[in-house]
Amino acid sequence: MKNWGLRDLKIEYKETYFDDLDDIEQYITTCFSAGLARKIVGEIFAGCQILADQPLIGKPYPRNKYYNYFIVKRKNLVFYHIDDEQGTVTLHRIFDSRRDYIEAVSMIPEE
């Protein structure tokens, strides 16, 4: 891993990340309210921005070292990949940690 110093990395998002975020929003809307869903999704999205300047905040995912993961909003696991050469952090998936995410993560292709 490089030391990025003052240079922030660019955050990129896979469509699967947005699909997962939509699922989380729909679940919260159905079970609670649309207002709460928007608030929580906004907090999750904002929480992921820390990866731009602290990409090593997460840990390598033991089942697939291509990915790192970290927890945002106490129970959501974000799976991402750091590309040193491109200067990017790509967010691939986000799961509620109470969900069975192991199989879904194993199906994410390495690029």
C-alpha atoms as a PDB file:
ATOM      1  CA  MET A   1       0.000   0.000   0.000  1.00  0.00           C
ATOM      2  CA  LYS A   2       1.163   3.474  -0.764  1.00  0.00           C
ATOM      3  CA  ASN A   3       1.204   6.375   1.599  1.00  0.00           C
ATOM      4  CA  TRP A   4      -1.223   8.801  -0.015  1.00  0.00           C
ATOM      5  CA  GLY A   5      -0.250  11.711   2.199  1.00  0.00           C
ATOM      6  CA  LEU A   6      -2.326  14.778   1.442  1.00  0.00           C
ATOM      7  CA  ARG A   7      -3.773  13.342  -1.756  1.00  0.00           C
ATOM      8  CA  ASP A   8      -7.288  12.013  -1.355  1.00  0.00           C
ATOM      9  CA  LEU A   9      -8.266   9.001  -3.375  1.00  0.00           C
ATOM     10  CA  LYS A  10     -11.211   9.179  -5.720  1.00  0.00           C
ATOM     11  CA  ILE A  11     -14.222   7.118  -4.671  1.00  0.00           C
ATOM     12  CA  GLU A  12     -15.958   5.119  -7.385  1.00  0.00           C
ATOM     13  CA  TYR A  13     -19.179   3.168  -7.006  1.00  0.00           C
ATOM     14  CA  LYS A  14     -20.296  -0.046  -8.635  1.00  0.00           C
ATOM     15  CA  GLU A  15     -23.941  -0.407  -9.605  1.00  0.00           C
ATOM     16  CA  THR A  16     -24.237  -3.245  -7.086  1.00  0.00           C
ATOM     17  CA  TYR A  17     -23.387  -0.799  -4.288  1.00  0.00           C
ATOM     18  CA  PHE A  18     -26.283   1.454  -5.309  1.00  0.00           C
ATOM     19  CA  ASP A  19     -28.583  -1.570  -5.674  1.00  0.00           C
ATOM     20  CA  ASP A  20     -27.723  -2.619  -2.119  1.00  0.00           C
ATOM     21  CA  LEU A  21     -28.276   0.928  -0.858  1.00  0.00           C
ATOM     22  CA  ASP A  22     -31.689   0.968  -2.568  1.00  0.00           C
ATOM     23  CA  ASP A  23     -32.569  -2.331  -0.849  1.00  0.00           C
ATOM     24  CA  ILE A  24     -31.620  -0.873   2.527  1.00  0.00           C
ATOM     25  CA  GLU A  25     -33.680   2.247   1.841  1.00  0.00           C
ATOM     26  CA  GLN A  26     -36.723   0.236   0.763  1.00  0.00           C
ATOM     27  CA  TYR A  27     -36.514  -1.995   3.827  1.00  0.00           C
ATOM     28  CA  ILE A  28     -36.350   0.971   6.217  1.00  0.00           C
ATOM     29  CA  THR A  29     -39.157   2.750   4.345  1.00  0.00           C
ATOM     30  CA  THR A  30     -41.375  -0.337   4.564  1.00  0.00           C
ATOM     31  CA  CYS A  31     -40.645  -1.055   8.222  1.00  0.00           C
ATOM     32  CA  PHE A  32     -40.368   2.508   9.519  1.00  0.00           C
ATOM     33  CA  SER A  33     -40.701   5.589   7.315  1.00  0.00           C
ATOM     34  CA  ALA A  34     -39.408   7.192   4.149  1.00  0.00           C
ATOM     35  CA  GLY A  35     -37.949  10.087   6.129  1.00  0.00           C
ATOM     36  CA  LEU A  36     -35.947   7.772   8.361  1.00  0.00           C
ATOM     37  CA  ALA A  37     -34.802   5.787   5.318  1.00  0.00           C
ATOM     38  CA  ARG A  38     -33.499   8.917   3.577  1.00  0.00           C
ATOM     39  CA  LYS A  39     -31.726  10.010   6.761  1.00  0.00           C
ATOM     40  CA  ILE A  40     -30.001   6.652   7.304  1.00  0.00           C
ATOM     41  CA  VAL A  41     -29.013   6.206   3.659  1.00  0.00           C
ATOM     42  CA  GLY A  42     -27.547   9.728   3.687  1.00  0.00           C
ATOM     43  CA  GLU A  43     -25.570   8.887   6.822  1.00  0.00           C
ATOM     44  CA  ILE A  44     -24.315   5.645   5.270  1.00  0.00           C
ATOM     45  CA  PHE A  45     -23.278   7.435   2.095  1.00  0.00           C
ATOM     46  CA  ALA A  46     -21.524  10.174   4.073  1.00  0.00           C
ATOM     47  CA  GLY A  47     -19.821   7.574   6.272  1.00  0.00           C
ATOM     48  CA  CYS A  48     -18.285   5.950   3.205  1.00  0.00           C
ATOM     49  CA  GLN A  49     -16.613   9.219   2.205  1.00  0.00           C
ATOM     50  CA  ILE A  50     -13.976   8.631   4.897  1.00  0.00           C
ATOM     51  CA  LEU A  51     -12.402   6.110   2.514  1.00  0.00           C
ATOM     52  CA  ALA A  52     -11.170   8.937   0.275  1.00  0.00           C
ATOM     53  CA  ASP A  53      -8.584   9.980   2.838  1.00  0.00           C
ATOM     54  CA  GLN A  54      -8.422   6.896   5.069  1.00  0.00           C
ATOM     55  CA  PRO A  55      -8.680   3.876   2.744  1.00  0.00           C
ATOM     56  CA  LEU A  56      -6.879   1.622   5.204  1.00  0.00           C
ATOM     57  CA  ILE A  57      -9.549   2.130   7.850  1.00  0.00           C
ATOM     58  CA  GLY A  58     -11.006  -1.231   6.843  1.00  0.00           C
ATOM     59  CA  LYS A  59      -9.592  -4.721   7.070  1.00  0.00           C
ATOM     60  CA  PRO A  60      -8.805  -7.260   4.366  1.00  0.00           C
ATOM     61  CA  TYR A  61     -11.747  -9.590   3.888  1.00  0.00           C
ATOM     62  CA  PRO A  62     -10.434 -13.029   5.002  1.00  0.00           C
ATOM     63  CA  ARG A  63     -12.321 -14.994   2.333  1.00  0.00           C
ATOM     64  CA  ASN A  64     -11.126 -12.817  -0.539  1.00  0.00           C
ATOM     65  CA  LYS A  65      -8.057 -10.614  -0.027  1.00  0.00           C
ATOM     66  CA  TYR A  66      -8.926  -8.527  -3.104  1.00  0.00           C
ATOM     67  CA  TYR A  67     -11.502  -6.733  -0.953  1.00  0.00           C
ATOM     68  CA  ASN A  68     -11.364  -4.727   2.221  1.00  0.00           C
ATOM     69  CA  TYR A  69     -14.367  -4.083   4.373  1.00  0.00           C
ATOM     70  CA  PHE A  70     -15.374  -1.704   7.101  1.00  0.00           C
ATOM     71  CA  ILE A  71     -18.451  -1.022   9.180  1.00  0.00           C
ATOM     72  CA  VAL A  72     -20.489   2.135   8.708  1.00  0.00           C
ATOM     73  CA  LYS A  73     -23.462   3.141  10.864  1.00  0.00           C
ATOM     74  CA  ARG A  74     -22.739   0.343  13.357  1.00  0.00           C
ATOM     75  CA  LYS A  75     -24.121  -2.541  11.296  1.00  0.00           C
ATOM     76  CA  ASN A  76     -23.505  -2.047   7.582  1.00  0.00           C
ATOM     77  CA  LEU A  77     -20.520  -3.760   5.996  1.00  0.00           C
ATOM     78  CA  VAL A  78     -19.033  -1.965   3.000  1.00  0.00           C
ATOM     79  CA  PHE A  79     -16.834  -4.045   0.669  1.00  0.00           C
ATOM     80  CA  TYR A  80     -14.342  -2.085  -1.391  1.00  0.00           C
ATOM     81  CA  HIS A  81     -11.111  -2.345  -3.361  1.00  0.00           C
ATOM     82  CA  ILE A  82      -8.150   0.050  -3.331  1.00  0.00           C
ATOM     83  CA  ASP A  83      -6.360   0.615  -6.634  1.00  0.00           C
ATOM     84  CA  ASP A  84      -3.016   2.234  -5.854  1.00  0.00           C
ATOM     85  CA  GLU A  85      -2.097   2.952  -9.443  1.00  0.00           C
ATOM     86  CA  GLN A  86      -5.409   4.578 -10.356  1.00  0.00           C
ATOM     87  CA  GLY A  87      -5.719   6.345  -7.011  1.00  0.00           C
ATOM     88  CA  THR A  88      -9.235   5.018  -6.484  1.00  0.00           C
ATOM     89  CA  VAL A  89     -11.329   3.275  -3.897  1.00  0.00           C
ATOM     90  CA  THR A  90     -14.161   1.330  -5.520  1.00  0.00           C
ATOM     91  CA  LEU A  91     -17.194   0.493  -3.389  1.00  0.00           C
ATOM     92  CA  HIS A  92     -18.662  -2.803  -4.538  1.00  0.00           C
ATOM     93  CA  ARG A  93     -21.301  -3.900  -2.048  1.00  0.00           C
ATOM     94  CA  ILE A  94     -22.931  -2.881   1.229  1.00  0.00           C
ATOM     95  CA  PHE A  95     -24.788  -5.282   3.493  1.00  0.00           C
ATOM     96  CA  ASP A  96     -26.547  -5.182   6.799  1.00  0.00           C
ATOM     97  CA  SER A  97     -24.252  -7.284   8.982  1.00  0.00           C
ATOM     98  CA  ARG A  98     -27.248  -9.273  10.220  1.00  0.00           C
ATOM     99  CA  ARG A  99     -27.819 -10.563   6.686  1.00  0.00           C
ATOM    100  CA  ASP A 100     -26.138 -13.643   5.232  1.00  0.00           C
ATOM    101  CA  TYR A 101     -23.650 -11.751   3.090  1.00  0.00           C
ATOM    102  CA  ILE A 102     -20.874 -14.356   2.826  1.00  0.00           C
ATOM    103  CA  GLU A 103     -22.217 -16.025  -0.309  1.00  0.00           C
ATOM    104  CA  ALA A 104     -23.001 -12.697  -1.967  1.00  0.00           C
ATOM    105  CA  VAL A 105     -19.486 -11.399  -1.329  1.00  0.00           C
ATOM    106  CA  SER A 106     -17.920 -14.559  -2.703  1.00  0.00           C
ATOM    107  CA  MET A 107     -19.763 -13.916  -5.973  1.00  0.00           C
ATOM    108  CA  ILE A 108     -18.238 -10.435  -6.483  1.00  0.00           C
ATOM    109  CA  PRO A 109     -15.728 -10.800  -9.328  1.00  0.00           C
ATOM    110  CA  GLU A 110     -12.201  -9.512  -8.958  1.00  0.00           C
ATOM    111  CA  GLU A 111     -11.404  -7.056 -11.704  1.00  0.00           C
END
